[in-house]
Amino acid sequence: VGPITSGNYGHHLGGAVGLGYVPCRGESEADVLASSYEIEIAGERFAAEASLKPMYDPKAEKVRA
């Protein structure tokens, strides 16, 4: 459906995180979030979850030092 633009291990999430784009053709935000998505890696498909929120912590509330 769309390309994955980057990926890495999300230490806070305890798993892989991939960022990508899904083209919208007039669907509402609710429709985009309610749709099901999969990511194919080396021929195997994995369930994916869509989010419209930025992957950003502006108050640095989750920073651990």
PDB file of N, CA and C in Angstrom:
ATOM      1  N   VAL A   1       0.832  -1.187   0.000  1.00  0.00           N
ATOM      2  CA  VAL A   1       0.000   0.000   0.000  1.00  0.00           C
ATOM      3  C   VAL A   1       0.870   1.242   0.000  1.00  0.00           C
ATOM      4  N   GLY A   2       1.936   1.224   0.804  1.00  0.00           N
ATOM      5  CA  GLY A   2       2.823   2.378   0.890  1.00  0.00           C
ATOM      6  C   GLY A   2       4.185   1.950   1.375  1.00  0.00           C
ATOM      7  N   PRO A   3       5.180   2.812   1.222  1.00  0.00           N
ATOM      8  CA  PRO A   3       6.546   2.444   1.590  1.00  0.00           C
ATOM      9  C   PRO A   3       6.849   2.672   3.070  1.00  0.00           C
ATOM     10  N   ILE A   4       7.708   1.819   3.617  1.00  0.00           N
ATOM     11  CA  ILE A   4       8.292   2.053   4.935  1.00  0.00           C
ATOM     12  C   ILE A   4       9.518   2.921   4.689  1.00  0.00           C
ATOM     13  N   THR A   5       9.606   4.048   5.383  1.00  0.00           N
ATOM     14  CA  THR A   5      10.709   4.972   5.143  1.00  0.00           C
ATOM     15  C   THR A   5      11.863   4.784   6.112  1.00  0.00           C
ATOM     16  N   SER A   6      11.584   4.233   7.292  1.00  0.00           N
ATOM     17  CA  SER A   6      12.651   3.984   8.253  1.00  0.00           C
ATOM     18  C   SER A   6      12.153   3.002   9.299  1.00  0.00           C
ATOM     19  N   GLY A   7      13.091   2.387   9.976  1.00  0.00           N
ATOM     20  CA  GLY A   7      12.747   1.442  11.023  1.00  0.00           C
ATOM     21  C   GLY A   7      13.901   1.282  11.987  1.00  0.00           C
ATOM     22  N   ASN A   8      13.573   0.884  13.216  1.00  0.00           N
ATOM     23  CA  ASN A   8      14.588   0.677  14.229  1.00  0.00           C
ATOM     24  C   ASN A   8      13.932  -0.029  15.402  1.00  0.00           C
ATOM     25  N   TYR A   9      14.723  -0.354  16.407  1.00  0.00           N
ATOM     26  CA  TYR A   9      14.199  -0.958  17.619  1.00  0.00           C
ATOM     27  C   TYR A   9      13.727   0.153  18.542  1.00  0.00           C
ATOM     28  N   GLY A  10      12.508   0.055  19.035  1.00  0.00           N
ATOM     29  CA  GLY A  10      11.968   1.037  19.977  1.00  0.00           C
ATOM     30  C   GLY A  10      12.164   0.536  21.397  1.00  0.00           C
ATOM     31  N   HIS A  11      13.186   1.018  22.076  1.00  0.00           N
ATOM     32  CA  HIS A  11      13.507   0.527  23.417  1.00  0.00           C
ATOM     33  C   HIS A  11      12.353   0.742  24.393  1.00  0.00           C
ATOM     34  N   HIS A  12      11.709   1.871  24.329  1.00  0.00           N
ATOM     35  CA  HIS A  12      10.589   2.139  25.235  1.00  0.00           C
ATOM     36  C   HIS A  12       9.419   1.201  24.948  1.00  0.00           C
ATOM     37  N   LEU A  13       9.219   0.870  23.678  1.00  0.00           N
ATOM     38  CA  LEU A  13       8.123  -0.018  23.290  1.00  0.00           C
ATOM     39  C   LEU A  13       8.489  -1.487  23.422  1.00  0.00           C
ATOM     40  N   GLY A  14       9.781  -1.779  23.423  1.00  0.00           N
ATOM     41  CA  GLY A  14      10.223  -3.160  23.524  1.00  0.00           C
ATOM     42  C   GLY A  14      10.025  -3.950  22.242  1.00  0.00           C
ATOM     43  N   GLY A  15      10.078  -3.277  21.112  1.00  0.00           N
ATOM     44  CA  GLY A  15       9.901  -3.964  19.833  1.00  0.00           C
ATOM     45  C   GLY A  15      10.258  -3.066  18.669  1.00  0.00           C
ATOM     46  N   ALA A  16      10.066  -3.598  17.483  1.00  0.00           N
ATOM     47  CA  ALA A  16      10.405  -2.865  16.269  1.00  0.00           C
ATOM     48  C   ALA A  16       9.414  -1.740  15.999  1.00  0.00           C
ATOM     49  N   VAL A  17       9.935  -0.652  15.449  1.00  0.00           N
ATOM     50  CA  VAL A  17       9.122   0.497  15.057  1.00  0.00           C
ATOM     51  C   VAL A  17       9.473   0.830  13.618  1.00  0.00           C
ATOM     52  N   GLY A  18       8.467   0.958  12.778  1.00  0.00           N
ATOM     53  CA  GLY A  18       8.690   1.355  11.392  1.00  0.00           C
ATOM     54  C   GLY A  18       7.823   2.554  11.064  1.00  0.00           C
ATOM     55  N   LEU A  19       8.387   3.489  10.337  1.00  0.00           N
ATOM     56  CA  LEU A  19       7.639   4.668   9.918  1.00  0.00           C
ATOM     57  C   LEU A  19       7.436   4.604   8.419  1.00  0.00           C
ATOM     58  N   GLY A  20       6.236   4.903   7.988  1.00  0.00           N
ATOM     59  CA  GLY A  20       5.951   4.844   6.562  1.00  0.00           C
ATOM     60  C   GLY A  20       4.741   5.677   6.212  1.00  0.00           C
ATOM     61  N   TYR A  21       4.356   5.577   4.973  1.00  0.00           N
ATOM     62  CA  TYR A  21       3.240   6.365   4.449  1.00  0.00           C
ATOM     63  C   TYR A  21       2.189   5.454   3.835  1.00  0.00           C
ATOM     64  N   VAL A  22       0.936   5.796   4.079  1.00  0.00           N
ATOM     65  CA  VAL A  22      -0.192   5.132   3.434  1.00  0.00           C
ATOM     66  C   VAL A  22      -0.976   6.230   2.722  1.00  0.00           C
ATOM     67  N   PRO A  23      -1.085   6.156   1.406  1.00  0.00           N
ATOM     68  CA  PRO A  23      -1.814   7.207   0.694  1.00  0.00           C
ATOM     69  C   PRO A  23      -3.302   7.193   1.063  1.00  0.00           C
ATOM     70  N   CYS A  24      -3.842   8.360   1.342  1.00  0.00           N
ATOM     71  CA  CYS A  24      -5.264   8.495   1.664  1.00  0.00           C
ATOM     72  C   CYS A  24      -5.987   9.060   0.455  1.00  0.00           C
ATOM     73  N   ARG A  25      -7.134   8.519   0.200  1.00  0.00           N
ATOM     74  CA  ARG A  25      -7.934   8.958  -0.951  1.00  0.00           C
ATOM     75  C   ARG A  25      -9.273   9.497  -0.475  1.00  0.00           C
ATOM     76  N   GLY A  26      -9.231  10.412   0.475  1.00  0.00           N
ATOM     77  CA  GLY A  26     -10.455  11.024   0.977  1.00  0.00           C
ATOM     78  C   GLY A  26     -11.058  10.323   2.182  1.00  0.00           C
ATOM     79  N   GLU A  27     -10.403   9.275   2.707  1.00  0.00           N
ATOM     80  CA  GLU A  27     -10.930   8.588   3.885  1.00  0.00           C
ATOM     81  C   GLU A  27     -10.820   9.497   5.106  1.00  0.00           C
ATOM     82  N   SER A  28     -11.708   9.283   6.047  1.00  0.00           N
ATOM     83  CA  SER A  28     -11.654  10.041   7.295  1.00  0.00           C
ATOM     84  C   SER A  28     -10.542   9.474   8.179  1.00  0.00           C
ATOM     85  N   GLU A  29     -10.142  10.248   9.186  1.00  0.00           N
ATOM     86  CA  GLU A  29      -9.128   9.768  10.124  1.00  0.00           C
ATOM     87  C   GLU A  29      -9.596   8.478  10.789  1.00  0.00           C
ATOM     88  N   ALA A  30     -10.871   8.412  11.145  1.00  0.00           N
ATOM     89  CA  ALA A  30     -11.415   7.214  11.788  1.00  0.00           C
ATOM     90  C   ALA A  30     -11.296   6.002  10.869  1.00  0.00           C
ATOM     91  N   ASP A  31     -11.551   6.179   9.571  1.00  0.00           N
ATOM     92  CA  ASP A  31     -11.429   5.073   8.619  1.00  0.00           C
ATOM     93  C   ASP A  31      -9.986   4.602   8.503  1.00  0.00           C
ATOM     94  N   VAL A  32      -9.058   5.541   8.462  1.00  0.00           N
ATOM     95  CA  VAL A  32      -7.637   5.183   8.356  1.00  0.00           C
ATOM     96  C   VAL A  32      -7.207   4.382   9.579  1.00  0.00           C
ATOM     97  N   LEU A  33      -7.601   4.827  10.764  1.00  0.00           N
ATOM     98  CA  LEU A  33      -7.207   4.138  11.991  1.00  0.00           C
ATOM     99  C   LEU A  33      -7.918   2.802  12.161  1.00  0.00           C
ATOM    100  N   ALA A  34      -9.127   2.667  11.632  1.00  0.00           N
ATOM    101  CA  ALA A  34      -9.894   1.426  11.772  1.00  0.00           C
ATOM    102  C   ALA A  34      -9.465   0.356  10.771  1.00  0.00           C
ATOM    103  N   SER A  35      -8.741   0.745   9.744  1.00  0.00           N
ATOM    104  CA  SER A  35      -8.298  -0.219   8.728  1.00  0.00           C
ATOM    105  C   SER A  35      -7.228  -1.137   9.300  1.00  0.00           C
ATOM    106  N   SER A  36      -7.079  -2.306   8.703  1.00  0.00           N
ATOM    107  CA  SER A  36      -6.022  -3.223   9.143  1.00  0.00           C
ATOM    108  C   SER A  36      -4.839  -3.105   8.190  1.00  0.00           C
ATOM    109  N   TYR A  37      -3.638  -3.246   8.748  1.00  0.00           N
ATOM    110  CA  TYR A  37      -2.407  -3.098   7.987  1.00  0.00           C
ATOM    111  C   TYR A  37      -1.456  -4.235   8.314  1.00  0.00           C
ATOM    112  N   GLU A  38      -0.637  -4.577   7.348  1.00  0.00           N
ATOM    113  CA  GLU A  38       0.417  -5.571   7.534  1.00  0.00           C
ATOM    114  C   GLU A  38       1.684  -5.059   6.878  1.00  0.00           C
ATOM    115  N   ILE A  39       2.820  -5.479   7.434  1.00  0.00           N
ATOM    116  CA  ILE A  39       4.118  -5.160   6.855  1.00  0.00           C
ATOM    117  C   ILE A  39       4.766  -6.474   6.459  1.00  0.00           C
ATOM    118  N   GLU A  40       5.262  -6.537   5.237  1.00  0.00           N
ATOM    119  CA  GLU A  40       5.922  -7.750   4.760  1.00  0.00           C
ATOM    120  C   GLU A  40       7.432  -7.588   4.885  1.00  0.00           C
ATOM    121  N   ILE A  41       8.042  -8.539   5.607  1.00  0.00           N
ATOM    122  CA  ILE A  41       9.487  -8.553   5.798  1.00  0.00           C
ATOM    123  C   ILE A  41       9.986  -9.931   5.411  1.00  0.00           C
ATOM    124  N   ALA A  42      10.833  -9.986   4.401  1.00  0.00           N
ATOM    125  CA  ALA A  42      11.423 -11.241   3.923  1.00  0.00           C
ATOM    126  C   ALA A  42      10.346 -12.286   3.649  1.00  0.00           C
ATOM    127  N   GLY A  43       9.249 -11.869   3.037  1.00  0.00           N
ATOM    128  CA  GLY A  43       8.189 -12.783   2.650  1.00  0.00           C
ATOM    129  C   GLY A  43       7.209 -13.135   3.752  1.00  0.00           C
ATOM    130  N   GLU A  44       7.429 -12.650   4.968  1.00  0.00           N
ATOM    131  CA  GLU A  44       6.524 -12.928   6.084  1.00  0.00           C
ATOM    132  C   GLU A  44       5.776 -11.647   6.446  1.00  0.00           C
ATOM    133  N   ARG A  45       4.475 -11.785   6.701  1.00  0.00           N
ATOM    134  CA  ARG A  45       3.645 -10.617   7.018  1.00  0.00           C
ATOM    135  C   ARG A  45       3.439 -10.497   8.526  1.00  0.00           C
ATOM    136  N   PHE A  46       3.507  -9.249   8.990  1.00  0.00           N
ATOM    137  CA  PHE A  46       3.324  -8.941  10.402  1.00  0.00           C
ATOM    138  C   PHE A  46       2.235  -7.884  10.537  1.00  0.00           C
ATOM    139  N   ALA A  47       1.395  -8.030  11.554  1.00  0.00           N
ATOM    140  CA  ALA A  47       0.347  -7.038  11.801  1.00  0.00           C
ATOM    141  C   ALA A  47       0.987  -5.707  12.167  1.00  0.00           C
ATOM    142  N   ALA A  48       0.390  -4.621  11.705  1.00  0.00           N
ATOM    143  CA  ALA A  48       0.895  -3.279  11.992  1.00  0.00           C
ATOM    144  C   ALA A  48      -0.244  -2.411  12.498  1.00  0.00           C
ATOM    145  N   GLU A  49       0.089  -1.414  13.270  1.00  0.00           N
ATOM    146  CA  GLU A  49      -0.902  -0.498  13.832  1.00  0.00           C
ATOM    147  C   GLU A  49      -0.638   0.908  13.309  1.00  0.00           C
ATOM    148  N   ALA A  50      -1.672   1.544  12.818  1.00  0.00           N
ATOM    149  CA  ALA A  50      -1.540   2.911  12.306  1.00  0.00           C
ATOM    150  C   ALA A  50      -1.702   3.919  13.436  1.00  0.00           C
ATOM    151  N   SER A  51      -1.017   5.037  13.302  1.00  0.00           N
ATOM    152  CA  SER A  51      -1.143   6.140  14.249  1.00  0.00           C
ATOM    153  C   SER A  51      -1.040   7.448  13.486  1.00  0.00           C
ATOM    154  N   LEU A  52      -1.855   8.394  13.858  1.00  0.00           N
ATOM    155  CA  LEU A  52      -1.781   9.724  13.258  1.00  0.00           C
ATOM    156  C   LEU A  52      -0.996  10.685  14.141  1.00  0.00           C
ATOM    157  N   LYS A  53      -0.589  10.213  15.310  1.00  0.00           N
ATOM    158  CA  LYS A  53       0.172  11.053  16.228  1.00  0.00           C
ATOM    159  C   LYS A  53       1.646  11.047  15.825  1.00  0.00           C
ATOM    160  N   PRO A  54       2.327  12.164  16.013  1.00  0.00           N
ATOM    161  CA  PRO A  54       3.762  12.180  15.717  1.00  0.00           C
ATOM    162  C   PRO A  54       4.518  11.346  16.744  1.00  0.00           C
ATOM    163  N   MET A  55       5.586  10.711  16.322  1.00  0.00           N
ATOM    164  CA  MET A  55       6.435   9.938  17.224  1.00  0.00           C
ATOM    165  C   MET A  55       7.417  10.917  17.867  1.00  0.00           C
ATOM    166  N   TYR A  56       6.883  11.702  18.802  1.00  0.00           N
ATOM    167  CA  TYR A  56       7.624  12.826  19.351  1.00  0.00           C
ATOM    168  C   TYR A  56       7.175  13.046  20.784  1.00  0.00           C
ATOM    169  N   ASP A  57       8.094  13.300  21.664  1.00  0.00           N
ATOM    170  CA  ASP A  57       7.813  13.549  23.070  1.00  0.00           C
ATOM    171  C   ASP A  57       8.269  14.971  23.402  1.00  0.00           C
ATOM    172  N   PRO A  58       7.440  16.001  23.110  1.00  0.00           N
ATOM    173  CA  PRO A  58       7.886  17.389  23.235  1.00  0.00           C
ATOM    174  C   PRO A  58       8.294  17.804  24.647  1.00  0.00           C
ATOM    175  N   LYS A  59       7.748  17.158  25.677  1.00  0.00           N
ATOM    176  CA  LYS A  59       8.097  17.510  27.053  1.00  0.00           C
ATOM    177  C   LYS A  59       9.195  16.612  27.613  1.00  0.00           C
ATOM    178  N   ALA A  60       9.725  15.711  26.784  1.00  0.00           N
ATOM    179  CA  ALA A  60      10.783  14.779  27.196  1.00  0.00           C
ATOM    180  C   ALA A  60      10.376  14.011  28.452  1.00  0.00           C
ATOM    181  N   GLU A  61       9.105  13.614  28.522  1.00  0.00           N
ATOM    182  CA  GLU A  61       8.597  12.902  29.683  1.00  0.00           C
ATOM    183  C   GLU A  61       9.084  11.465  29.755  1.00  0.00           C
ATOM    184  N   LYS A  62       9.487  10.893  28.632  1.00  0.00           N
ATOM    185  CA  LYS A  62       9.895   9.495  28.633  1.00  0.00           C
ATOM    186  C   LYS A  62      11.406   9.321  28.542  1.00  0.00           C
ATOM    187  N   VAL A  63      12.137  10.416  28.653  1.00  0.00           N
ATOM    188  CA  VAL A  63      13.596  10.340  28.596  1.00  0.00           C
ATOM    189  C   VAL A  63      14.097   9.720  29.889  1.00  0.00           C
ATOM    190  N   ARG A  64      14.973   8.768  29.755  1.00  0.00           N
ATOM    191  CA  ARG A  64      15.571   8.113  30.919  1.00  0.00           C
ATOM    192  C   ARG A  64      17.081   8.314  30.841  1.00  0.00           C
ATOM    193  N   ALA A  65      17.662   8.752  31.950  1.00  0.00           N
ATOM    194  CA  ALA A  65      19.114   8.958  31.953  1.00  0.00           C
ATOM    195  C   ALA A  65      19.719   8.411  33.223  1.00  0.00           C
TER     196      ALA A  65
END
